[in-house]
């Protein structure tokens, strides 16, 4: 699969969201990653449905919506109505992940399942046939700007091999601390979608940052 770059809106300038979104779209972003936090599942609050609805007319980029919520199933329909194209939920909060994934799909959206750095990758295995996206966090969820945890890369490798063994082509996303210095290691492990926040929005040249992450061939 071709590597896709998903700038995380959490690191954008919230006083100039439309400008920043248009800049990364023109700069080659493949999708826009929306980190939604509720202050319960994670110790932070980011943005919600009104912001998603307000920026939907600003871009044609796919809205890759990552719900870091204690009860994500309650917000699937509202985020669909606001303009989300896909919704990823955390396995850690879903007693029955399959039911939530089917709920998302029933609304004609793509569905994803996420695990934190400390969660065994095998948690994803029973649901692989249902997934449009498997997300492995490379930082603890809740805050932007954290350092990449390289010890999650073996999980990515294990997941990629499991998909290969089953004949599946599930996109594997990695989120947290991704930079040009570690992007190649993520790709080699099997990640096909790289979420990058400060490495893109914090760069003076966002297009160059996206290109550097997509084409990085070195490991820090």
C-alpha atoms as a PDB file:
ATOM      1  CA  UNK A   1       0.000   0.000   0.000  1.00  0.00           C
ATOM      2  CA  UNK A   2       1.051   3.580  -0.638  1.00  0.00           C
ATOM      3  CA  UNK A   3       1.930   5.491   2.522  1.00  0.00           C
ATOM      4  CA  UNK A   4      -0.718   8.049   3.414  1.00  0.00           C
ATOM      5  CA  UNK A   5      -0.118  11.099   5.594  1.00  0.00           C
ATOM      6  CA  UNK A   6      -2.822  12.258   8.000  1.00  0.00           C
ATOM      7  CA  UNK A   7      -2.023  15.598   9.666  1.00  0.00           C
ATOM      8  CA  UNK A   8      -3.602  15.786  13.120  1.00  0.00           C
ATOM      9  CA  UNK A   9      -5.824  18.829  13.508  1.00  0.00           C
ATOM     10  CA  UNK A  10      -4.996  18.909  17.217  1.00  0.00           C
ATOM     11  CA  UNK A  11      -1.698  20.618  16.351  1.00  0.00           C
ATOM     12  CA  UNK A  12      -3.191  23.234  14.028  1.00  0.00           C
ATOM     13  CA  UNK A  13      -3.727  26.905  14.883  1.00  0.00           C
ATOM     14  CA  UNK A  14      -7.309  26.938  16.138  1.00  0.00           C
ATOM     15  CA  UNK A  15      -7.592  30.656  15.405  1.00  0.00           C
ATOM     16  CA  UNK A  16      -6.875  29.850  11.759  1.00  0.00           C
ATOM     17  CA  UNK A  17      -8.246  26.353  11.151  1.00  0.00           C
ATOM     18  CA  UNK A  18      -9.511  26.955   7.638  1.00  0.00           C
ATOM     19  CA  UNK A  19      -6.156  28.402   6.585  1.00  0.00           C
ATOM     20  CA  UNK A  20      -4.168  25.545   8.104  1.00  0.00           C
ATOM     21  CA  UNK A  21      -6.442  22.879   6.637  1.00  0.00           C
ATOM     22  CA  UNK A  22      -6.185  24.362   3.152  1.00  0.00           C
ATOM     23  CA  UNK A  23      -2.407  24.582   3.475  1.00  0.00           C
ATOM     24  CA  UNK A  24      -1.969  20.894   4.347  1.00  0.00           C
ATOM     25  CA  UNK A  25      -4.483  19.842   1.698  1.00  0.00           C
ATOM     26  CA  UNK A  26      -2.562  21.763  -0.943  1.00  0.00           C
ATOM     27  CA  UNK A  27       0.664  20.412   0.560  1.00  0.00           C
ATOM     28  CA  UNK A  28      -0.250  16.805  -0.156  1.00  0.00           C
ATOM     29  CA  UNK A  29      -2.108  15.507   2.903  1.00  0.00           C
ATOM     30  CA  UNK A  30      -4.176  12.409   2.147  1.00  0.00           C
ATOM     31  CA  UNK A  31      -6.672  12.767   4.981  1.00  0.00           C
ATOM     32  CA  UNK A  32      -7.250  14.880   8.084  1.00  0.00           C
ATOM     33  CA  UNK A  33      -6.991  13.192  11.475  1.00  0.00           C
ATOM     34  CA  UNK A  34      -9.450  14.496  14.057  1.00  0.00           C
ATOM     35  CA  UNK A  35      -8.545  13.686  17.679  1.00  0.00           C
ATOM     36  CA  UNK A  36     -11.705  14.036  19.746  1.00  0.00           C
ATOM     37  CA  UNK A  37     -11.176  13.882  23.529  1.00  0.00           C
ATOM     38  CA  UNK A  38     -13.760  14.009  26.298  1.00  0.00           C
ATOM     39  CA  UNK A  39     -11.777  14.567  29.497  1.00  0.00           C
ATOM     40  CA  UNK A  40     -12.966  11.189  30.805  1.00  0.00           C
ATOM     41  CA  UNK A  41     -11.309   8.421  28.829  1.00  0.00           C
ATOM     42  CA  UNK A  42      -8.274  10.674  28.417  1.00  0.00           C
ATOM     43  CA  UNK A  43      -7.282  13.534  30.741  1.00  0.00           C
ATOM     44  CA  UNK A  44      -7.790  16.257  28.178  1.00  0.00           C
ATOM     45  CA  UNK A  45     -10.541  17.927  26.135  1.00  0.00           C
ATOM     46  CA  UNK A  46      -9.937  18.827  22.505  1.00  0.00           C
ATOM     47  CA  UNK A  47     -12.861  19.700  20.213  1.00  0.00           C
ATOM     48  CA  UNK A  48     -16.173  18.231  19.251  1.00  0.00           C
ATOM     49  CA  UNK A  49     -19.089  18.118  16.859  1.00  0.00           C
ATOM     50  CA  UNK A  50     -19.491  21.896  16.240  1.00  0.00           C
ATOM     51  CA  UNK A  51     -15.861  22.229  15.129  1.00  0.00           C
ATOM     52  CA  UNK A  52     -16.104  19.240  12.795  1.00  0.00           C
ATOM     53  CA  UNK A  53     -19.286  20.630  11.268  1.00  0.00           C
ATOM     54  CA  UNK A  54     -17.757  24.085  10.828  1.00  0.00           C
ATOM     55  CA  UNK A  55     -14.642  22.860   9.005  1.00  0.00           C
ATOM     56  CA  UNK A  56     -16.405  20.326   6.756  1.00  0.00           C
ATOM     57  CA  UNK A  57     -17.021  22.901   3.983  1.00  0.00           C
ATOM     58  CA  UNK A  58     -13.349  23.949   4.073  1.00  0.00           C
ATOM     59  CA  UNK A  59     -11.867  20.843   2.486  1.00  0.00           C
ATOM     60  CA  UNK A  60     -12.419  17.734   0.414  1.00  0.00           C
ATOM     61  CA  UNK A  61     -10.043  15.775   2.630  1.00  0.00           C
ATOM     62  CA  UNK A  62     -11.446  12.677   4.285  1.00  0.00           C
ATOM     63  CA  UNK A  63     -12.220  13.247   7.967  1.00  0.00           C
ATOM     64  CA  UNK A  64     -10.506  10.416   9.851  1.00  0.00           C
ATOM     65  CA  UNK A  65     -12.201  10.804  13.224  1.00  0.00           C
ATOM     66  CA  UNK A  66     -10.516   9.263  16.267  1.00  0.00           C
ATOM     67  CA  UNK A  67     -12.886   9.147  19.224  1.00  0.00           C
ATOM     68  CA  UNK A  68     -10.969   9.087  22.503  1.00  0.00           C
ATOM     69  CA  UNK A  69     -14.228   8.961  24.414  1.00  0.00           C
ATOM     70  CA  UNK A  70     -15.524   6.913  27.327  1.00  0.00           C
ATOM     71  CA  UNK A  71     -18.784   6.115  25.461  1.00  0.00           C
ATOM     72  CA  UNK A  72     -17.997   6.527  21.761  1.00  0.00           C
ATOM     73  CA  UNK A  73     -21.081   4.665  20.547  1.00  0.00           C
ATOM     74  CA  UNK A  74     -23.245   7.550  21.783  1.00  0.00           C
ATOM     75  CA  UNK A  75     -21.535   9.945  19.373  1.00  0.00           C
ATOM     76  CA  UNK A  76     -21.304   7.950  16.154  1.00  0.00           C
ATOM     77  CA  UNK A  77     -24.453   9.403  14.597  1.00  0.00           C
ATOM     78  CA  UNK A  78     -23.695  13.035  15.595  1.00  0.00           C
ATOM     79  CA  UNK A  79     -20.206  12.850  14.082  1.00  0.00           C
ATOM     80  CA  UNK A  80     -21.639  11.299  10.927  1.00  0.00           C
ATOM     81  CA  UNK A  81     -24.073  14.215  10.695  1.00  0.00           C
ATOM     82  CA  UNK A  82     -21.216  16.690  11.257  1.00  0.00           C
ATOM     83  CA  UNK A  83     -19.277  15.310   8.294  1.00  0.00           C
ATOM     84  CA  UNK A  84     -16.984  12.537   9.537  1.00  0.00           C
ATOM     85  CA  UNK A  85     -16.093   9.937   6.913  1.00  0.00           C
ATOM     86  CA  UNK A  86     -14.593   7.331   9.229  1.00  0.00           C
ATOM     87  CA  UNK A  87     -14.690   6.714  12.956  1.00  0.00           C
ATOM     88  CA  UNK A  88     -12.093   4.890  15.011  1.00  0.00           C
ATOM     89  CA  UNK A  89     -12.865   3.805  18.567  1.00  0.00           C
ATOM     90  CA  UNK A  90     -10.684   2.416  21.345  1.00  0.00           C
ATOM     91  CA  UNK A  91     -10.856  -1.286  22.110  1.00  0.00           C
ATOM     92  CA  UNK A  92     -10.185  -0.459  25.759  1.00  0.00           C
ATOM     93  CA  UNK A  93     -13.581   1.204  26.251  1.00  0.00           C
ATOM     94  CA  UNK A  94     -15.773  -1.086  24.141  1.00  0.00           C
ATOM     95  CA  UNK A  95     -17.137  -4.139  25.910  1.00  0.00           C
ATOM     96  CA  UNK A  96     -18.279  -5.406  22.506  1.00  0.00           C
ATOM     97  CA  UNK A  97     -16.095  -3.743  19.851  1.00  0.00           C
ATOM     98  CA  UNK A  98     -17.806  -5.656  17.074  1.00  0.00           C
ATOM     99  CA  UNK A  99     -21.165  -4.103  17.908  1.00  0.00           C
ATOM    100  CA  UNK A 100     -19.721  -0.589  17.771  1.00  0.00           C
ATOM    101  CA  UNK A 101     -17.943  -1.329  14.479  1.00  0.00           C
ATOM    102  CA  UNK A 102     -21.203  -2.583  12.975  1.00  0.00           C
ATOM    103  CA  UNK A 103     -22.971   0.528  14.240  1.00  0.00           C
ATOM    104  CA  UNK A 104     -20.434   2.711  12.433  1.00  0.00           C
ATOM    105  CA  UNK A 105     -20.703   0.687   9.236  1.00  0.00           C
ATOM    106  CA  UNK A 106     -24.500   0.820   9.333  1.00  0.00           C
ATOM    107  CA  UNK A 107     -24.212   4.582   8.838  1.00  0.00           C
ATOM    108  CA  UNK A 108     -22.120   4.115   5.690  1.00  0.00           C
ATOM    109  CA  UNK A 109     -18.874   5.138   7.353  1.00  0.00           C
ATOM    110  CA  UNK A 110     -15.552   3.353   7.518  1.00  0.00           C
ATOM    111  CA  UNK A 111     -14.756   1.869  10.921  1.00  0.00           C
ATOM    112  CA  UNK A 112     -11.498   1.578  12.815  1.00  0.00           C
ATOM    113  CA  UNK A 113     -10.320   0.037  16.068  1.00  0.00           C
ATOM    114  CA  UNK A 114      -7.485   1.464  18.159  1.00  0.00           C
ATOM    115  CA  UNK A 115      -5.217   0.156  20.914  1.00  0.00           C
ATOM    116  CA  UNK A 116      -2.978   2.034  23.325  1.00  0.00           C
ATOM    117  CA  UNK A 117       0.758   1.297  23.698  1.00  0.00           C
ATOM    118  CA  UNK A 118       0.148  -0.961  26.688  1.00  0.00           C
ATOM    119  CA  UNK A 119      -2.664  -2.996  25.099  1.00  0.00           C
ATOM    120  CA  UNK A 120      -1.700  -6.341  23.509  1.00  0.00           C
ATOM    121  CA  UNK A 121      -1.999  -6.247  19.729  1.00  0.00           C
ATOM    122  CA  UNK A 122      -3.882  -9.545  19.832  1.00  0.00           C
ATOM    123  CA  UNK A 123      -6.935  -7.590  21.030  1.00  0.00           C
ATOM    124  CA  UNK A 124      -7.380  -6.470  17.427  1.00  0.00           C
ATOM    125  CA  UNK A 125      -7.220  -9.946  15.890  1.00  0.00           C
ATOM    126  CA  UNK A 126     -10.860 -11.050  16.373  1.00  0.00           C
ATOM    127  CA  UNK A 127     -12.058  -7.946  14.522  1.00  0.00           C
ATOM    128  CA  UNK A 128      -9.677  -7.702  11.574  1.00  0.00           C
ATOM    129  CA  UNK A 129     -12.222  -8.901   9.018  1.00  0.00           C
ATOM    130  CA  UNK A 130     -14.576  -6.110  10.124  1.00  0.00           C
ATOM    131  CA  UNK A 131     -12.043  -3.279   9.994  1.00  0.00           C
ATOM    132  CA  UNK A 132     -11.332  -0.555   7.479  1.00  0.00           C
ATOM    133  CA  UNK A 133      -8.507   0.656   9.718  1.00  0.00           C
ATOM    134  CA  UNK A 134      -6.391  -0.650  12.614  1.00  0.00           C
ATOM    135  CA  UNK A 135      -4.754   2.052  14.718  1.00  0.00           C
ATOM    136  CA  UNK A 136      -1.825   1.537  17.055  1.00  0.00           C
ATOM    137  CA  UNK A 137      -1.015   4.452  19.338  1.00  0.00           C
ATOM    138  CA  UNK A 138       2.674   5.251  19.612  1.00  0.00           C
ATOM    139  CA  UNK A 139       2.102   7.616  22.549  1.00  0.00           C
ATOM    140  CA  UNK A 140      -0.315   7.579  25.447  1.00  0.00           C
ATOM    141  CA  UNK A 141      -3.565   9.103  24.182  1.00  0.00           C
ATOM    142  CA  UNK A 142      -4.643  12.491  25.429  1.00  0.00           C
ATOM    143  CA  UNK A 143      -2.006  15.061  24.500  1.00  0.00           C
ATOM    144  CA  UNK A 144      -0.207  16.198  21.367  1.00  0.00           C
ATOM    145  CA  UNK A 145       3.541  16.731  21.154  1.00  0.00           C
ATOM    146  CA  UNK A 146       4.615  13.544  22.950  1.00  0.00           C
ATOM    147  CA  UNK A 147       7.708  11.566  21.975  1.00  0.00           C
ATOM    148  CA  UNK A 148       7.332   8.503  19.784  1.00  0.00           C
ATOM    149  CA  UNK A 149       7.542   5.151  21.603  1.00  0.00           C
ATOM    150  CA  UNK A 150       9.545   2.819  19.333  1.00  0.00           C
ATOM    151  CA  UNK A 151       8.630  -0.249  21.379  1.00  0.00           C
ATOM    152  CA  UNK A 152       5.220  -0.276  19.636  1.00  0.00           C
ATOM    153  CA  UNK A 153       6.838  -1.119  16.291  1.00  0.00           C
ATOM    154  CA  UNK A 154       6.910  -4.888  16.973  1.00  0.00           C
ATOM    155  CA  UNK A 155       3.140  -4.678  17.472  1.00  0.00           C
ATOM    156  CA  UNK A 156       2.807  -3.100  14.047  1.00  0.00           C
ATOM    157  CA  UNK A 157       4.938  -5.880  12.578  1.00  0.00           C
ATOM    158  CA  UNK A 158       2.860  -8.567  14.302  1.00  0.00           C
ATOM    159  CA  UNK A 159      -0.364  -6.992  13.089  1.00  0.00           C
ATOM    160  CA  UNK A 160       0.928  -6.673   9.530  1.00  0.00           C
ATOM    161  CA  UNK A 161       1.940 -10.353   9.504  1.00  0.00           C
ATOM    162  CA  UNK A 162      -1.431 -11.386  10.904  1.00  0.00           C
ATOM    163  CA  UNK A 163      -3.197  -9.492   8.108  1.00  0.00           C
ATOM    164  CA  UNK A 164      -0.897 -11.066   5.528  1.00  0.00           C
ATOM    165  CA  UNK A 165      -1.545 -14.553   6.899  1.00  0.00           C
ATOM    166  CA  UNK A 166      -5.298 -13.973   6.615  1.00  0.00           C
ATOM    167  CA  UNK A 167      -5.083 -12.423   3.164  1.00  0.00           C
ATOM    168  CA  UNK A 168      -6.358  -9.094   4.446  1.00  0.00           C
ATOM    169  CA  UNK A 169      -5.319  -5.630   3.338  1.00  0.00           C
ATOM    170  CA  UNK A 170      -6.358  -3.685   6.439  1.00  0.00           C
ATOM    171  CA  UNK A 171      -4.630  -0.273   6.512  1.00  0.00           C
ATOM    172  CA  UNK A 172      -2.487   0.053   9.642  1.00  0.00           C
ATOM    173  CA  UNK A 173      -2.295   3.517  11.129  1.00  0.00           C
ATOM    174  CA  UNK A 174       0.241   4.703  13.685  1.00  0.00           C
ATOM    175  CA  UNK A 175      -0.416   7.832  15.711  1.00  0.00           C
ATOM    176  CA  UNK A 176       1.812   9.767  18.076  1.00  0.00           C
ATOM    177  CA  UNK A 177       5.166  11.462  17.754  1.00  0.00           C
ATOM    178  CA  UNK A 178       5.648  10.573  14.084  1.00  0.00           C
ATOM    179  CA  UNK A 179       8.407  12.614  12.422  1.00  0.00           C
ATOM    180  CA  UNK A 180      10.652  12.297   9.348  1.00  0.00           C
ATOM    181  CA  UNK A 181      13.212  10.630  11.635  1.00  0.00           C
ATOM    182  CA  UNK A 182      11.018   7.670  12.601  1.00  0.00           C
ATOM    183  CA  UNK A 183       8.607   7.474   9.656  1.00  0.00           C
ATOM    184  CA  UNK A 184      10.734   4.980   7.734  1.00  0.00           C
ATOM    185  CA  UNK A 185      10.763   2.615  10.714  1.00  0.00           C
ATOM    186  CA  UNK A 186       6.961   2.876  10.887  1.00  0.00           C
ATOM    187  CA  UNK A 187       6.654   2.060   7.195  1.00  0.00           C
ATOM    188  CA  UNK A 188       9.044  -0.865   7.397  1.00  0.00           C
ATOM    189  CA  UNK A 189       7.076  -2.287  10.329  1.00  0.00           C
ATOM    190  CA  UNK A 190       3.953  -2.248   8.176  1.00  0.00           C
ATOM    191  CA  UNK A 191       2.198   1.050   8.897  1.00  0.00           C
ATOM    192  CA  UNK A 192       0.504   2.509   5.839  1.00  0.00           C
ATOM    193  CA  UNK A 193      -1.107   5.623   7.366  1.00  0.00           C
ATOM    194  CA  UNK A 194       1.080   7.941   9.417  1.00  0.00           C
ATOM    195  CA  UNK A 195      -0.588  10.501  11.665  1.00  0.00           C
ATOM    196  CA  UNK A 196       1.602  13.537  12.255  1.00  0.00           C
ATOM    197  CA  UNK A 197       0.617  16.569  14.281  1.00  0.00           C
ATOM    198  CA  UNK A 198       3.353  18.959  15.360  1.00  0.00           C
ATOM    199  CA  UNK A 199       5.748  17.537  12.751  1.00  0.00           C
ATOM    200  CA  UNK A 200       3.429  18.946  10.061  1.00  0.00           C
ATOM    201  CA  UNK A 201       1.582  21.898  11.582  1.00  0.00           C
ATOM    202  CA  UNK A 202       4.656  23.013  13.510  1.00  0.00           C
ATOM    203  CA  UNK A 203       6.790  23.157  10.369  1.00  0.00           C
ATOM    204  CA  UNK A 204       7.420  26.381   8.492  1.00  0.00           C
ATOM    205  CA  UNK A 205       6.872  24.501   5.223  1.00  0.00           C
ATOM    206  CA  UNK A 206       4.005  22.051   5.727  1.00  0.00           C
ATOM    207  CA  UNK A 207       4.266  20.604   2.210  1.00  0.00           C
ATOM    208  CA  UNK A 208       7.958  19.825   2.732  1.00  0.00           C
ATOM    209  CA  UNK A 209       7.163  18.238   6.099  1.00  0.00           C
ATOM    210  CA  UNK A 210       4.501  15.995   4.562  1.00  0.00           C
ATOM    211  CA  UNK A 211       6.887  14.992   1.783  1.00  0.00           C
ATOM    212  CA  UNK A 212       9.676  14.279   4.257  1.00  0.00           C
ATOM    213  CA  UNK A 213       7.437  12.033   6.374  1.00  0.00           C
ATOM    214  CA  UNK A 214       6.065  10.202   3.365  1.00  0.00           C
ATOM    215  CA  UNK A 215       9.514   9.592   1.900  1.00  0.00           C
ATOM    216  CA  UNK A 216      11.659   9.248   5.004  1.00  0.00           C
ATOM    217  CA  UNK A 217      14.217   6.478   4.618  1.00  0.00           C
ATOM    218  CA  UNK A 218      16.265   6.793   7.781  1.00  0.00           C
ATOM    219  CA  UNK A 219      15.772   5.922  11.421  1.00  0.00           C
ATOM    220  CA  UNK A 220      16.707   8.342  14.185  1.00  0.00           C
END
